[in-house]
Amino acid sequence: VAVIISGDRVNYADSVKGRFTISRDNDKNTVYLQMN
């Protein structure tokens, strides 16, 4: 669906581009997927 590499590089499946956003909170060691 989506991947975030190291600091900030991201990649999305074509089917979710423009709708989903992946992000990462390094302080919380947590990755998020916002799905709209």
PDB file of all heavy atoms in Angstrom:
ATOM      1  N   VAL A   1       0.831  -1.194   0.000  1.00  0.00           N
ATOM      2  CA  VAL A   1       0.000   0.000   0.000  1.00  0.00           C
ATOM      3  C   VAL A   1       0.868   1.247   0.000  1.00  0.00           C
ATOM      4  O   VAL A   1       0.709   2.136  -0.839  1.00  0.00           O
ATOM      5  CB  VAL A   1      -0.957   0.024   1.200  1.00  0.00           C
ATOM      6  CG1 VAL A   1      -1.775   1.312   1.217  1.00  0.00           C
ATOM      7  CG2 VAL A   1      -1.872  -1.195   1.169  1.00  0.00           C
ATOM      8  N   ALA A   2       1.782   1.322   0.942  1.00  0.00           N
ATOM      9  CA  ALA A   2       2.652   2.479   1.065  1.00  0.00           C
ATOM     10  C   ALA A   2       3.871   2.098   1.875  1.00  0.00           C
ATOM     11  O   ALA A   2       3.805   1.224   2.739  1.00  0.00           O
ATOM     12  CB  ALA A   2       1.930   3.660   1.719  1.00  0.00           C
ATOM     13  N   VAL A   3       4.976   2.756   1.602  1.00  0.00           N
ATOM     14  CA  VAL A   3       6.204   2.515   2.342  1.00  0.00           C
ATOM     15  C   VAL A   3       6.918   3.842   2.565  1.00  0.00           C
ATOM     16  O   VAL A   3       6.864   4.740   1.714  1.00  0.00           O
ATOM     17  CB  VAL A   3       7.120   1.505   1.611  1.00  0.00           C
ATOM     18  CG1 VAL A   3       7.539   2.040   0.250  1.00  0.00           C
ATOM     19  CG2 VAL A   3       8.335   1.153   2.454  1.00  0.00           C
ATOM     20  N   ILE A   4       7.559   3.962   3.705  1.00  0.00           N
ATOM     21  CA  ILE A   4       8.393   5.118   3.997  1.00  0.00           C
ATOM     22  C   ILE A   4       9.762   4.589   4.357  1.00  0.00           C
ATOM     23  O   ILE A   4       9.904   3.695   5.193  1.00  0.00           O
ATOM     24  CB  ILE A   4       7.788   6.003   5.103  1.00  0.00           C
ATOM     25  CG1 ILE A   4       8.640   7.256   5.305  1.00  0.00           C
ATOM     26  CG2 ILE A   4       7.595   5.235   6.397  1.00  0.00           C
ATOM     27  CD1 ILE A   4       7.928   8.341   6.110  1.00  0.00           C
ATOM     28  N   ILE A   5      10.780   5.130   3.710  1.00  0.00           N
ATOM     29  CA  ILE A   5      12.141   4.624   3.817  1.00  0.00           C
ATOM     30  C   ILE A   5      12.999   5.626   4.561  1.00  0.00           C
ATOM     31  O   ILE A   5      13.042   6.810   4.205  1.00  0.00           O
ATOM     32  CB  ILE A   5      12.732   4.345   2.425  1.00  0.00           C
ATOM     33  CG1 ILE A   5      11.873   3.317   1.697  1.00  0.00           C
ATOM     34  CG2 ILE A   5      14.172   3.856   2.538  1.00  0.00           C
ATOM     35  CD1 ILE A   5      12.265   3.108   0.260  1.00  0.00           C
ATOM     36  N   SER A   6      13.668   5.126   5.573  1.00  0.00           N
ATOM     37  CA  SER A   6      14.592   5.928   6.377  1.00  0.00           C
ATOM     38  C   SER A   6      13.918   7.221   6.810  1.00  0.00           C
ATOM     39  O   SER A   6      12.939   7.182   7.559  1.00  0.00           O
ATOM     40  CB  SER A   6      15.889   6.185   5.608  1.00  0.00           C
ATOM     41  OG  SER A   6      16.852   6.816   6.436  1.00  0.00           O
ATOM     42  N   GLY A   7      14.431   8.343   6.315  1.00  0.00           N
ATOM     43  CA  GLY A   7      13.915   9.615   6.759  1.00  0.00           C
ATOM     44  C   GLY A   7      12.579  10.013   6.183  1.00  0.00           C
ATOM     45  O   GLY A   7      11.600  10.188   6.920  1.00  0.00           O
ATOM     46  N   ASP A   8      12.486  10.129   4.850  1.00  0.00           N
ATOM     47  CA  ASP A   8      11.311  10.783   4.308  1.00  0.00           C
ATOM     48  C   ASP A   8      10.860  10.297   2.937  1.00  0.00           C
ATOM     49  O   ASP A   8       9.855  10.793   2.428  1.00  0.00           O
ATOM     50  CB  ASP A   8      11.563  12.291   4.229  1.00  0.00           C
ATOM     51  CG  ASP A   8      10.294  13.115   4.305  1.00  0.00           C
ATOM     52  OD1 ASP A   8       9.287  12.622   4.856  1.00  0.00           O
ATOM     53  OD2 ASP A   8      10.295  14.251   3.823  1.00  0.00           O
ATOM     54  N   ARG A   9      11.561   9.373   2.316  1.00  0.00           N
ATOM     55  CA  ARG A   9      11.155   8.896   1.001  1.00  0.00           C
ATOM     56  C   ARG A   9       9.944   7.988   1.117  1.00  0.00           C
ATOM     57  O   ARG A   9       9.909   7.089   1.962  1.00  0.00           O
ATOM     58  CB  ARG A   9      12.298   8.150   0.311  1.00  0.00           C
ATOM     59  CG  ARG A   9      12.078   7.950  -1.174  1.00  0.00           C
ATOM     60  CD  ARG A   9      13.260   7.237  -1.797  1.00  0.00           C
ATOM     61  NE  ARG A   9      13.102   5.795  -1.734  1.00  0.00           N
ATOM     62  CZ  ARG A   9      14.045   4.914  -2.052  1.00  0.00           C
ATOM     63  NH1 ARG A   9      15.237   5.336  -2.430  1.00  0.00           N
ATOM     64  NH2 ARG A   9      13.799   3.626  -1.972  1.00  0.00           N
ATOM     65  N   VAL A  10       8.955   8.208   0.269  1.00  0.00           N
ATOM     66  CA  VAL A  10       7.714   7.447   0.333  1.00  0.00           C
ATOM     67  C   VAL A  10       7.367   6.891  -1.034  1.00  0.00           C
ATOM     68  O   VAL A  10       7.788   7.407  -2.072  1.00  0.00           O
ATOM     69  CB  VAL A  10       6.542   8.297   0.868  1.00  0.00           C
ATOM     70  CG1 VAL A  10       6.827   8.782   2.278  1.00  0.00           C
ATOM     71  CG2 VAL A  10       6.282   9.483  -0.052  1.00  0.00           C
ATOM     72  N   ASN A  11       6.590   5.835  -1.028  1.00  0.00           N
ATOM     73  CA  ASN A  11       6.113   5.219  -2.249  1.00  0.00           C
ATOM     74  C   ASN A  11       4.717   4.675  -1.996  1.00  0.00           C
ATOM     75  O   ASN A  11       4.452   4.122  -0.924  1.00  0.00           O
ATOM     76  CB  ASN A  11       7.049   4.101  -2.708  1.00  0.00           C
ATOM     77  CG  ASN A  11       6.684   3.554  -4.070  1.00  0.00           C
ATOM     78  OD1 ASN A  11       6.331   4.297  -4.975  1.00  0.00           O
ATOM     79  ND2 ASN A  11       6.780   2.235  -4.224  1.00  0.00           N
ATOM     80  N   TYR A  12       3.834   4.819  -2.985  1.00  0.00           N
ATOM     81  CA  TYR A  12       2.451   4.397  -2.853  1.00  0.00           C
ATOM     82  C   TYR A  12       2.042   3.503  -4.005  1.00  0.00           C
ATOM     83  O   TYR A  12       2.525   3.645  -5.128  1.00  0.00           O
ATOM     84  CB  TYR A  12       1.506   5.598  -2.838  1.00  0.00           C
ATOM     85  CG  TYR A  12       1.691   6.547  -1.686  1.00  0.00           C
ATOM     86  CD1 TYR A  12       2.475   7.686  -1.820  1.00  0.00           C
ATOM     87  CD2 TYR A  12       1.072   6.306  -0.463  1.00  0.00           C
ATOM     88  CE1 TYR A  12       2.643   8.562  -0.772  1.00  0.00           C
ATOM     89  CE2 TYR A  12       1.238   7.185   0.593  1.00  0.00           C
ATOM     90  CZ  TYR A  12       2.020   8.307   0.438  1.00  0.00           C
ATOM     91  OH  TYR A  12       2.177   9.176   1.488  1.00  0.00           O
ATOM     92  N   ALA A  13       1.129   2.599  -3.710  1.00  0.00           N
ATOM     93  CA  ALA A  13       0.466   1.877  -4.781  1.00  0.00           C
ATOM     94  C   ALA A  13      -0.370   2.841  -5.604  1.00  0.00           C
ATOM     95  O   ALA A  13      -0.928   3.810  -5.080  1.00  0.00           O
ATOM     96  CB  ALA A  13      -0.419   0.773  -4.207  1.00  0.00           C
ATOM     97  N   ASP A  14      -0.450   2.578  -6.909  1.00  0.00           N
ATOM     98  CA  ASP A  14      -1.206   3.466  -7.783  1.00  0.00           C
ATOM     99  C   ASP A  14      -2.661   3.611  -7.332  1.00  0.00           C
ATOM    100  O   ASP A  14      -3.263   4.683  -7.477  1.00  0.00           O
ATOM    101  CB  ASP A  14      -1.168   2.958  -9.223  1.00  0.00           C
ATOM    102  CG  ASP A  14       0.194   3.126  -9.867  1.00  0.00           C
ATOM    103  OD1 ASP A  14       1.001   3.939  -9.373  1.00  0.00           O
ATOM    104  OD2 ASP A  14       0.459   2.444 -10.874  1.00  0.00           O
ATOM    105  N   SER A  15      -3.214   2.562  -6.778  1.00  0.00           N
ATOM    106  CA  SER A  15      -4.619   2.566  -6.408  1.00  0.00           C
ATOM    107  C   SER A  15      -4.943   3.488  -5.237  1.00  0.00           C
ATOM    108  O   SER A  15      -6.110   3.822  -5.020  1.00  0.00           O
ATOM    109  CB  SER A  15      -5.085   1.147  -6.077  1.00  0.00           C
ATOM    110  OG  SER A  15      -4.345   0.607  -5.004  1.00  0.00           O
ATOM    111  N   VAL A  16      -3.931   3.908  -4.487  1.00  0.00           N
ATOM    112  CA  VAL A  16      -4.182   4.740  -3.313  1.00  0.00           C
ATOM    113  C   VAL A  16      -3.560   6.118  -3.418  1.00  0.00           C
ATOM    114  O   VAL A  16      -3.755   6.947  -2.517  1.00  0.00           O
ATOM    115  CB  VAL A  16      -3.701   4.052  -2.021  1.00  0.00           C
ATOM    116  CG1 VAL A  16      -4.305   2.658  -1.898  1.00  0.00           C
ATOM    117  CG2 VAL A  16      -2.178   3.987  -1.975  1.00  0.00           C
ATOM    118  N   LYS A  17      -2.827   6.389  -4.483  1.00  0.00           N
ATOM    119  CA  LYS A  17      -2.205   7.693  -4.637  1.00  0.00           C
ATOM    120  C   LYS A  17      -3.257   8.793  -4.634  1.00  0.00           C
ATOM    121  O   LYS A  17      -4.286   8.692  -5.294  1.00  0.00           O
ATOM    122  CB  LYS A  17      -1.396   7.748  -5.932  1.00  0.00           C
ATOM    123  CG  LYS A  17      -0.108   6.952  -5.892  1.00  0.00           C
ATOM    124  CD  LYS A  17       0.661   7.064  -7.205  1.00  0.00           C
ATOM    125  CE  LYS A  17       1.964   6.280  -7.157  1.00  0.00           C
ATOM    126  NZ  LYS A  17       2.691   6.326  -8.443  1.00  0.00           N
ATOM    127  N   GLY A  18      -2.973   9.843  -3.894  1.00  0.00           N
ATOM    128  CA  GLY A  18      -3.899  10.948  -3.780  1.00  0.00           C
ATOM    129  C   GLY A  18      -4.935  10.780  -2.700  1.00  0.00           C
ATOM    130  O   GLY A  18      -5.636  11.743  -2.369  1.00  0.00           O
ATOM    131  N   ARG A  19      -5.054   9.584  -2.150  1.00  0.00           N
ATOM    132  CA  ARG A  19      -6.038   9.328  -1.101  1.00  0.00           C
ATOM    133  C   ARG A  19      -5.388   8.960   0.238  1.00  0.00           C
ATOM    134  O   ARG A  19      -5.901   9.329   1.286  1.00  0.00           O
ATOM    135  CB  ARG A  19      -6.988   8.207  -1.515  1.00  0.00           C
ATOM    136  CG  ARG A  19      -7.787   8.508  -2.776  1.00  0.00           C
ATOM    137  CD  ARG A  19      -8.855   7.451  -3.018  1.00  0.00           C
ATOM    138  NE  ARG A  19      -8.270   6.130  -3.272  1.00  0.00           N
ATOM    139  CZ  ARG A  19      -8.504   5.052  -2.531  1.00  0.00           C
ATOM    140  NH1 ARG A  19      -9.312   5.126  -1.478  1.00  0.00           N
ATOM    141  NH2 ARG A  19      -7.941   3.886  -2.836  1.00  0.00           N
ATOM    142  N   PHE A  20      -4.292   8.219   0.184  1.00  0.00           N
ATOM    143  CA  PHE A  20      -3.622   7.751   1.395  1.00  0.00           C
ATOM    144  C   PHE A  20      -2.325   8.518   1.595  1.00  0.00           C
ATOM    145  O   PHE A  20      -1.653   8.900   0.631  1.00  0.00           O
ATOM    146  CB  PHE A  20      -3.294   6.262   1.306  1.00  0.00           C
ATOM    147  CG  PHE A  20      -4.486   5.337   1.322  1.00  0.00           C
ATOM    148  CD1 PHE A  20      -5.781   5.818   1.246  1.00  0.00           C
ATOM    149  CD2 PHE A  20      -4.285   3.971   1.424  1.00  0.00           C
ATOM    150  CE1 PHE A  20      -6.868   4.962   1.257  1.00  0.00           C
ATOM    151  CE2 PHE A  20      -5.361   3.103   1.440  1.00  0.00           C
ATOM    152  CZ  PHE A  20      -6.653   3.590   1.357  1.00  0.00           C
ATOM    153  N   THR A  21      -1.951   8.699   2.847  1.00  0.00           N
ATOM    154  CA  THR A  21      -0.703   9.346   3.197  1.00  0.00           C
ATOM    155  C   THR A  21      -0.021   8.571   4.309  1.00  0.00           C
ATOM    156  O   THR A  21      -0.626   8.319   5.354  1.00  0.00           O
ATOM    157  CB  THR A  21      -0.922  10.796   3.649  1.00  0.00           C
ATOM    158  OG1 THR A  21      -1.590  11.537   2.624  1.00  0.00           O
ATOM    159  CG2 THR A  21       0.419  11.462   3.947  1.00  0.00           C
ATOM    160  N   ILE A  22       1.229   8.198   4.075  1.00  0.00           N
ATOM    161  CA  ILE A  22       2.010   7.532   5.101  1.00  0.00           C
ATOM    162  C   ILE A  22       2.929   8.551   5.758  1.00  0.00           C
ATOM    163  O   ILE A  22       3.468   9.439   5.093  1.00  0.00           O
ATOM    164  CB  ILE A  22       2.813   6.346   4.522  1.00  0.00           C
ATOM    165  CG1 ILE A  22       3.463   5.527   5.647  1.00  0.00           C
ATOM    166  CG2 ILE A  22       3.847   6.803   3.508  1.00  0.00           C
ATOM    167  CD1 ILE A  22       4.074   4.218   5.173  1.00  0.00           C
ATOM    168  N   SER A  23       3.089   8.433   7.052  1.00  0.00           N
ATOM    169  CA  SER A  23       3.959   9.332   7.791  1.00  0.00           C
ATOM    170  C   SER A  23       4.580   8.585   8.959  1.00  0.00           C
ATOM    171  O   SER A  23       4.150   7.491   9.318  1.00  0.00           O
ATOM    172  CB  SER A  23       3.195  10.572   8.275  1.00  0.00           C
ATOM    173  OG  SER A  23       2.148  10.209   9.157  1.00  0.00           O
ATOM    174  N   ARG A  24       5.583   9.208   9.540  1.00  0.00           N
ATOM    175  CA  ARG A  24       6.325   8.558  10.616  1.00  0.00           C
ATOM    176  C   ARG A  24       6.657   9.564  11.696  1.00  0.00           C
ATOM    177  O   ARG A  24       7.084  10.678  11.414  1.00  0.00           O
ATOM    178  CB  ARG A  24       7.600   7.929  10.041  1.00  0.00           C
ATOM    179  CG  ARG A  24       8.379   7.050  10.992  1.00  0.00           C
ATOM    180  CD  ARG A  24       9.500   6.357  10.234  1.00  0.00           C
ATOM    181  NE  ARG A  24      10.235   5.413  11.062  1.00  0.00           N
ATOM    182  CZ  ARG A  24      11.185   4.605  10.613  1.00  0.00           C
ATOM    183  NH1 ARG A  24      11.509   4.617   9.325  1.00  0.00           N
ATOM    184  NH2 ARG A  24      11.810   3.776  11.441  1.00  0.00           N
ATOM    185  N   ASP A  25       6.460   9.139  12.927  1.00  0.00           N
ATOM    186  CA  ASP A  25       6.832   9.930  14.088  1.00  0.00           C
ATOM    187  C   ASP A  25       8.003   9.216  14.744  1.00  0.00           C
ATOM    188  O   ASP A  25       7.813   8.217  15.443  1.00  0.00           O
ATOM    189  CB  ASP A  25       5.659  10.078  15.056  1.00  0.00           C
ATOM    190  CG  ASP A  25       5.969  11.018  16.200  1.00  0.00           C
ATOM    191  OD1 ASP A  25       7.146  11.191  16.546  1.00  0.00           O
ATOM    192  OD2 ASP A  25       5.012  11.594  16.760  1.00  0.00           O
ATOM    193  N   ASN A  26       9.196   9.707  14.505  1.00  0.00           N
ATOM    194  CA  ASN A  26      10.384   9.035  15.016  1.00  0.00           C
ATOM    195  C   ASN A  26      10.463   9.056  16.542  1.00  0.00           C
ATOM    196  O   ASN A  26      10.975   8.112  17.149  1.00  0.00           O
ATOM    197  CB  ASN A  26      11.641   9.673  14.419  1.00  0.00           C
ATOM    198  CG  ASN A  26      11.781   9.419  12.948  1.00  0.00           C
ATOM    199  OD1 ASN A  26      11.390   8.368  12.447  1.00  0.00           O
ATOM    200  ND2 ASN A  26      12.356  10.376  12.225  1.00  0.00           N
ATOM    201  N   ASP A  27       9.973  10.113  17.147  1.00  0.00           N
ATOM    202  CA  ASP A  27      10.009  10.199  18.603  1.00  0.00           C
ATOM    203  C   ASP A  27       9.138   9.127  19.243  1.00  0.00           C
ATOM    204  O   ASP A  27       9.456   8.628  20.326  1.00  0.00           O
ATOM    205  CB  ASP A  27       9.562  11.577  19.070  1.00  0.00           C
ATOM    206  CG  ASP A  27      10.546  12.663  18.689  1.00  0.00           C
ATOM    207  OD1 ASP A  27      11.734  12.353  18.496  1.00  0.00           O
ATOM    208  OD2 ASP A  27      10.119  13.833  18.596  1.00  0.00           O
ATOM    209  N   LYS A  28       8.047   8.774  18.585  1.00  0.00           N
ATOM    210  CA  LYS A  28       7.132   7.773  19.108  1.00  0.00           C
ATOM    211  C   LYS A  28       7.352   6.392  18.496  1.00  0.00           C
ATOM    212  O   LYS A  28       6.652   5.446  18.862  1.00  0.00           O
ATOM    213  CB  LYS A  28       5.686   8.198  18.876  1.00  0.00           C
ATOM    214  CG  LYS A  28       5.294   9.476  19.592  1.00  0.00           C
ATOM    215  CD  LYS A  28       3.838   9.825  19.329  1.00  0.00           C
ATOM    216  CE  LYS A  28       3.425  11.080  20.064  1.00  0.00           C
ATOM    217  NZ  LYS A  28       1.997  11.430  19.801  1.00  0.00           N
ATOM    218  N   ASN A  29       8.296   6.281  17.560  1.00  0.00           N
ATOM    219  CA  ASN A  29       8.544   5.018  16.862  1.00  0.00           C
ATOM    220  C   ASN A  29       7.254   4.454  16.278  1.00  0.00           C
ATOM    221  O   ASN A  29       6.965   3.256  16.392  1.00  0.00           O
ATOM    222  CB  ASN A  29       9.201   4.009  17.797  1.00  0.00           C
ATOM    223  CG  ASN A  29      10.550   4.465  18.297  1.00  0.00           C
ATOM    224  OD1 ASN A  29      11.370   4.973  17.525  1.00  0.00           O
ATOM    225  ND2 ASN A  29      10.803   4.287  19.584  1.00  0.00           N
ATOM    226  N   THR A  30       6.507   5.311  15.639  1.00  0.00           N
ATOM    227  CA  THR A  30       5.200   4.954  15.123  1.00  0.00           C
ATOM    228  C   THR A  30       5.061   5.425  13.683  1.00  0.00           C
ATOM    229  O   THR A  30       5.485   6.537  13.342  1.00  0.00           O
ATOM    230  CB  THR A  30       4.086   5.569  15.979  1.00  0.00           C
ATOM    231  OG1 THR A  30       4.210   5.105  17.333  1.00  0.00           O
ATOM    232  CG2 THR A  30       2.713   5.187  15.454  1.00  0.00           C
ATOM    233  N   VAL A  31       4.469   4.579  12.855  1.00  0.00           N
ATOM    234  CA  VAL A  31       4.163   4.933  11.483  1.00  0.00           C
ATOM    235  C   VAL A  31       2.646   4.969  11.336  1.00  0.00           C
ATOM    236  O   VAL A  31       1.932   4.166  11.946  1.00  0.00           O
ATOM    237  CB  VAL A  31       4.813   3.960  10.476  1.00  0.00           C
ATOM    238  CG1 VAL A  31       4.243   2.553  10.618  1.00  0.00           C
ATOM    239  CG2 VAL A  31       4.655   4.465   9.055  1.00  0.00           C
ATOM    240  N   TYR A  32       2.164   5.904  10.533  1.00  0.00           N
ATOM    241  CA  TYR A  32       0.741   6.107  10.362  1.00  0.00           C
ATOM    242  C   TYR A  32       0.358   5.953   8.899  1.00  0.00           C
ATOM    243  O   TYR A  32       1.167   6.157   7.996  1.00  0.00           O
ATOM    244  CB  TYR A  32       0.330   7.504  10.826  1.00  0.00           C
ATOM    245  CG  TYR A  32       0.694   7.821  12.252  1.00  0.00           C
ATOM    246  CD1 TYR A  32       1.890   8.479  12.549  1.00  0.00           C
ATOM    247  CD2 TYR A  32      -0.138   7.470  13.302  1.00  0.00           C
ATOM    248  CE1 TYR A  32       2.230   8.776  13.851  1.00  0.00           C
ATOM    249  CE2 TYR A  32       0.196   7.764  14.607  1.00  0.00           C
ATOM    250  CZ  TYR A  32       1.379   8.417  14.877  1.00  0.00           C
ATOM    251  OH  TYR A  32       1.711   8.712  16.177  1.00  0.00           O
ATOM    252  N   LEU A  33      -0.884   5.605   8.692  1.00  0.00           N
ATOM    253  CA  LEU A  33      -1.461   5.608   7.360  1.00  0.00           C
ATOM    254  C   LEU A  33      -2.796   6.332   7.436  1.00  0.00           C
ATOM    255  O   LEU A  33      -3.765   5.796   7.977  1.00  0.00           O
ATOM    256  CB  LEU A  33      -1.648   4.192   6.821  1.00  0.00           C
ATOM    257  CG  LEU A  33      -2.145   4.103   5.378  1.00  0.00           C
ATOM    258  CD1 LEU A  33      -1.076   4.618   4.409  1.00  0.00           C
ATOM    259  CD2 LEU A  33      -2.541   2.673   5.018  1.00  0.00           C
ATOM    260  N   GLN A  34      -2.824   7.545   6.917  1.00  0.00           N
ATOM    261  CA  GLN A  34      -4.055   8.309   6.840  1.00  0.00           C
ATOM    262  C   GLN A  34      -4.771   7.936   5.556  1.00  0.00           C
ATOM    263  O   GLN A  34      -4.220   8.104   4.465  1.00  0.00           O
ATOM    264  CB  GLN A  34      -3.767   9.813   6.868  1.00  0.00           C
ATOM    265  CG  GLN A  34      -5.008  10.691   6.760  1.00  0.00           C
ATOM    266  CD  GLN A  34      -5.903  10.577   7.959  1.00  0.00           C
ATOM    267  OE1 GLN A  34      -5.434  10.629   9.099  1.00  0.00           O
ATOM    268  NE2 GLN A  34      -7.202  10.406   7.726  1.00  0.00           N
ATOM    269  N   MET A  35      -5.981   7.439   5.675  1.00  0.00           N
ATOM    270  CA  MET A  35      -6.743   6.949   4.544  1.00  0.00           C
ATOM    271  C   MET A  35      -7.987   7.817   4.381  1.00  0.00           C
ATOM    272  O   MET A  35      -8.864   7.826   5.245  1.00  0.00           O
ATOM    273  CB  MET A  35      -7.133   5.483   4.728  1.00  0.00           C
ATOM    274  CG  MET A  35      -5.941   4.563   4.974  1.00  0.00           C
ATOM    275  SD  MET A  35      -6.409   2.814   5.068  1.00  0.00           S
ATOM    276  CE  MET A  35      -7.390   2.834   6.572  1.00  0.00           C
ATOM    277  N   ASN A  36      -8.041   8.532   3.278  1.00  0.00           N
ATOM    278  CA  ASN A  36      -9.172   9.384   2.960  1.00  0.00           C
ATOM    279  C   ASN A  36      -9.854   8.882   1.695  1.00  0.00           C
ATOM    280  O   ASN A  36      -9.256   8.179   0.885  1.00  0.00           O
ATOM    281  CB  ASN A  36      -8.724  10.838   2.759  1.00  0.00           C
ATOM    282  CG  ASN A  36      -8.109  11.443   3.993  1.00  0.00           C
ATOM    283  OD1 ASN A  36      -8.513  11.158   5.116  1.00  0.00           O
ATOM    284  ND2 ASN A  36      -7.115  12.311   3.782  1.00  0.00           N
TER     285      ASN A  36
END
